[in-house]
Amino acid sequence: PGCGRGYSIQAFAKTTPKRHMVGLEISETAAKAARKYLDSQSVPKDSWEIINENFFEYKSMDCRFNLAYDYTFLCALDPEMRQSWAKRYSELLLPKGVLITVIFPICDKVGGPPFAIS
C-alpha cells in the first residue's frame, strides 16, 4: 500500500520475474506517476499493476497474496489504526503468506507521521 513511484515494484519485478506485483496507491497523482515510472524503466507490463485504491477498502477479487511488502506505510498510520492494518493484512495474505515490513523510526519520539514504533 502506498506504493508511491513504484520503486519497490520495479525491484521485485526485476529480481522475481515470475511474480505479479500489485501496487496500491490512494493518490491518483502518485498512481499515475508510478505507472509512468514503471513504463520508463521497461518493466514488463504483465508483471505489475498499479491500483488506485485505499488499502483498507481494497477488494482483491477473491485473490489472496503469498507476499506483501510494506515499506513505511505502517509508521505513517496513526497508532490507533495499527490493529486495522494487521487485520487487513491477515485478510489479504494466504495462510502461509509472508509480510515484509520496513519501518522507521524505532524510537520513543512523540507525534508523527512517521509515528514511532518500538
C-alpha atoms as a PDB file:
ATOM      1  CA  PRO A   1       0.000   0.000   0.000  1.00  0.00           C
ATOM      2  CA  GLY A   2       1.132   3.492  -0.646  1.00  0.00           C
ATOM      3  CA  CYS A   3       3.391   2.297  -3.456  1.00  0.00           C
ATOM      4  CA  GLY A   4       4.464   5.826  -4.354  1.00  0.00           C
ATOM      5  CA  ARG A   5       6.545   5.938  -7.532  1.00  0.00           C
ATOM      6  CA  GLY A   6       6.798   2.165  -7.777  1.00  0.00           C
ATOM      7  CA  TYR A   7      10.480   1.746  -6.965  1.00  0.00           C
ATOM      8  CA  SER A   8       9.824  -1.378  -4.889  1.00  0.00           C
ATOM      9  CA  ILE A   9       7.614  -2.861  -7.593  1.00  0.00           C
ATOM     10  CA  GLN A  10      10.409  -2.352 -10.101  1.00  0.00           C
ATOM     11  CA  ALA A  11      12.949  -4.012  -7.807  1.00  0.00           C
ATOM     12  CA  PHE A  12      10.734  -7.031  -7.125  1.00  0.00           C
ATOM     13  CA  ALA A  13       9.745  -7.379 -10.782  1.00  0.00           C
ATOM     14  CA  LYS A  14      13.400  -7.448 -11.839  1.00  0.00           C
ATOM     15  CA  THR A  15      14.535  -9.896  -9.150  1.00  0.00           C
ATOM     16  CA  THR A  16      11.481 -12.171  -9.130  1.00  0.00           C
ATOM     17  CA  PRO A  17      10.174 -12.040 -12.697  1.00  0.00           C
ATOM     18  CA  LYS A  18       7.678 -14.875 -12.213  1.00  0.00           C
ATOM     19  CA  ARG A  19       5.702 -12.885  -9.636  1.00  0.00           C
ATOM     20  CA  HIS A  20       2.927 -10.452 -10.472  1.00  0.00           C
ATOM     21  CA  MET A  21       3.234  -7.241  -8.456  1.00  0.00           C
ATOM     22  CA  VAL A  22       0.227  -5.236  -7.300  1.00  0.00           C
ATOM     23  CA  GLY A  23       0.836  -1.736  -6.011  1.00  0.00           C
ATOM     24  CA  LEU A  24      -1.925   0.004  -4.085  1.00  0.00           C
ATOM     25  CA  GLU A  25      -1.874   3.775  -4.025  1.00  0.00           C
ATOM     26  CA  ILE A  26      -4.610   6.017  -2.617  1.00  0.00           C
ATOM     27  CA  SER A  27      -3.381   9.084  -4.524  1.00  0.00           C
ATOM     28  CA  GLU A  28      -4.358   9.187  -8.212  1.00  0.00           C
ATOM     29  CA  THR A  29      -1.420  11.527  -8.874  1.00  0.00           C
ATOM     30  CA  ALA A  30       1.044   9.083  -7.278  1.00  0.00           C
ATOM     31  CA  ALA A  31      -0.574   6.101  -9.057  1.00  0.00           C
ATOM     32  CA  LYS A  32      -0.123   7.834 -12.430  1.00  0.00           C
ATOM     33  CA  ALA A  33       3.478   8.700 -11.544  1.00  0.00           C
ATOM     34  CA  ALA A  34       4.173   5.046 -10.621  1.00  0.00           C
ATOM     35  CA  ARG A  35       2.746   3.781 -13.925  1.00  0.00           C
ATOM     36  CA  LYS A  36       4.802   6.342 -15.835  1.00  0.00           C
ATOM     37  CA  TYR A  37       7.968   5.415 -13.927  1.00  0.00           C
ATOM     38  CA  LEU A  38       7.495   1.658 -14.427  1.00  0.00           C
ATOM     39  CA  ASP A  39       6.838   2.189 -18.150  1.00  0.00           C
ATOM     40  CA  SER A  40      10.022   4.291 -18.403  1.00  0.00           C
ATOM     41  CA  GLN A  41      12.046   1.502 -16.760  1.00  0.00           C
ATOM     42  CA  SER A  42      10.856  -1.122 -19.262  1.00  0.00           C
ATOM     43  CA  VAL A  43       9.321  -3.260 -16.527  1.00  0.00           C
ATOM     44  CA  PRO A  44       7.151  -5.777 -18.434  1.00  0.00           C
ATOM     45  CA  LYS A  45       3.503  -4.700 -18.160  1.00  0.00           C
ATOM     46  CA  ASP A  46       2.363  -8.242 -17.441  1.00  0.00           C
ATOM     47  CA  SER A  47       4.451  -8.312 -14.242  1.00  0.00           C
ATOM     48  CA  TRP A  48       2.763  -5.411 -12.436  1.00  0.00           C
ATOM     49  CA  GLU A  49      -0.325  -3.308 -11.954  1.00  0.00           C
ATOM     50  CA  ILE A  50      -0.945  -0.128 -10.000  1.00  0.00           C
ATOM     51  CA  ILE A  51      -4.385   0.139  -8.421  1.00  0.00           C
ATOM     52  CA  ASN A  52      -5.654   3.499  -7.237  1.00  0.00           C
ATOM     53  CA  GLU A  53      -7.482   2.451  -4.071  1.00  0.00           C
ATOM     54  CA  ASN A  54      -7.475   2.709  -0.302  1.00  0.00           C
ATOM     55  CA  PHE A  55      -5.637  -0.210   1.344  1.00  0.00           C
ATOM     56  CA  PHE A  56      -8.397  -0.638   3.914  1.00  0.00           C
ATOM     57  CA  GLU A  57     -11.107  -0.794   1.236  1.00  0.00           C
ATOM     58  CA  TYR A  58      -9.266  -2.750  -1.455  1.00  0.00           C
ATOM     59  CA  LYS A  59     -11.289  -5.621  -2.870  1.00  0.00           C
ATOM     60  CA  SER A  60      -8.845  -8.198  -4.177  1.00  0.00           C
ATOM     61  CA  MET A  61     -11.465 -10.031  -6.236  1.00  0.00           C
ATOM     62  CA  ASP A  62     -11.175 -13.173  -4.112  1.00  0.00           C
ATOM     63  CA  CYS A  63      -7.413 -13.191  -4.657  1.00  0.00           C
ATOM     64  CA  ARG A  64      -5.104 -13.513  -1.673  1.00  0.00           C
ATOM     65  CA  PHE A  65      -1.395 -12.861  -1.794  1.00  0.00           C
ATOM     66  CA  ASN A  66       1.562 -15.025  -0.855  1.00  0.00           C
ATOM     67  CA  LEU A  67       3.789 -11.996  -0.238  1.00  0.00           C
ATOM     68  CA  ALA A  68       3.150  -8.433   0.887  1.00  0.00           C
ATOM     69  CA  TYR A  69       5.771  -5.713   1.199  1.00  0.00           C
ATOM     70  CA  ASP A  70       5.026  -2.750   3.434  1.00  0.00           C
ATOM     71  CA  TYR A  71       7.632  -0.006   3.185  1.00  0.00           C
ATOM     72  CA  THR A  72       6.950   2.691   5.795  1.00  0.00           C
ATOM     73  CA  PHE A  73       3.152   2.505   5.414  1.00  0.00           C
ATOM     74  CA  LEU A  74       2.629   1.263   8.972  1.00  0.00           C
ATOM     75  CA  CYS A  75       4.629   4.061  10.564  1.00  0.00           C
ATOM     76  CA  ALA A  76       2.683   6.657   8.552  1.00  0.00           C
ATOM     77  CA  LEU A  77      -0.578   5.492  10.116  1.00  0.00           C
ATOM     78  CA  ASP A  78      -1.891   6.843  13.391  1.00  0.00           C
ATOM     79  CA  PRO A  79      -1.066   4.210  16.054  1.00  0.00           C
ATOM     80  CA  GLU A  80      -4.803   3.730  16.659  1.00  0.00           C
ATOM     81  CA  MET A  81      -5.021   2.258  13.138  1.00  0.00           C
ATOM     82  CA  ARG A  82      -2.417  -0.472  13.699  1.00  0.00           C
ATOM     83  CA  GLN A  83      -4.960  -3.146  14.658  1.00  0.00           C
ATOM     84  CA  SER A  84      -6.924  -2.397  11.477  1.00  0.00           C
ATOM     85  CA  TRP A  85      -3.672  -2.576   9.481  1.00  0.00           C
ATOM     86  CA  ALA A  86      -2.862  -6.015  10.930  1.00  0.00           C
ATOM     87  CA  LYS A  87      -6.400  -7.287  10.387  1.00  0.00           C
ATOM     88  CA  ARG A  88      -6.388  -6.112   6.767  1.00  0.00           C
ATOM     89  CA  TYR A  89      -3.102  -7.837   6.019  1.00  0.00           C
ATOM     90  CA  SER A  90      -4.404 -11.036   7.599  1.00  0.00           C
ATOM     91  CA  GLU A  91      -7.332 -10.875   5.179  1.00  0.00           C
ATOM     92  CA  LEU A  92      -5.169 -10.212   2.118  1.00  0.00           C
ATOM     93  CA  LEU A  93      -2.445 -12.787   2.788  1.00  0.00           C
ATOM     94  CA  LEU A  94      -2.717 -16.513   2.199  1.00  0.00           C
ATOM     95  CA  PRO A  95      -2.484 -18.658   5.370  1.00  0.00           C
ATOM     96  CA  LYS A  96       1.253 -19.188   4.844  1.00  0.00           C
ATOM     97  CA  GLY A  97       1.792 -15.800   3.238  1.00  0.00           C
ATOM     98  CA  VAL A  98       4.726 -13.593   4.208  1.00  0.00           C
ATOM     99  CA  LEU A  99       4.563  -9.948   5.246  1.00  0.00           C
ATOM    100  CA  ILE A 100       7.779  -7.963   4.944  1.00  0.00           C
ATOM    101  CA  THR A 101       7.572  -4.671   6.818  1.00  0.00           C
ATOM    102  CA  VAL A 102      10.253  -1.992   6.654  1.00  0.00           C
ATOM    103  CA  ILE A 103       9.668   0.516   9.425  1.00  0.00           C
ATOM    104  CA  PHE A 104      11.187   3.573  10.998  1.00  0.00           C
ATOM    105  CA  PRO A 105      11.639   5.344  13.347  1.00  0.00           C
ATOM    106  CA  ILE A 106      12.311   2.793  16.030  1.00  0.00           C
ATOM    107  CA  CYS A 107      12.452   5.170  18.973  1.00  0.00           C
ATOM    108  CA  ASP A 108      10.370   6.951  21.587  1.00  0.00           C
ATOM    109  CA  LYS A 109       9.541  10.108  19.612  1.00  0.00           C
ATOM    110  CA  VAL A 110       6.144  11.730  20.094  1.00  0.00           C
ATOM    111  CA  GLY A 111       3.829  12.597  17.216  1.00  0.00           C
ATOM    112  CA  GLY A 112       4.070  11.942  13.528  1.00  0.00           C
ATOM    113  CA  PRO A 113       3.874  10.857  10.852  1.00  0.00           C
ATOM    114  CA  PRO A 114       6.069   8.994  10.857  1.00  0.00           C
ATOM    115  CA  PHE A 115       4.935   7.610  14.190  1.00  0.00           C
ATOM    116  CA  ALA A 116       7.444   5.843  16.422  1.00  0.00           C
ATOM    117  CA  ILE A 117       7.468   2.084  16.530  1.00  0.00           C
ATOM    118  CA  SER A 118       9.182   0.085  19.239  1.00  0.00           C
END
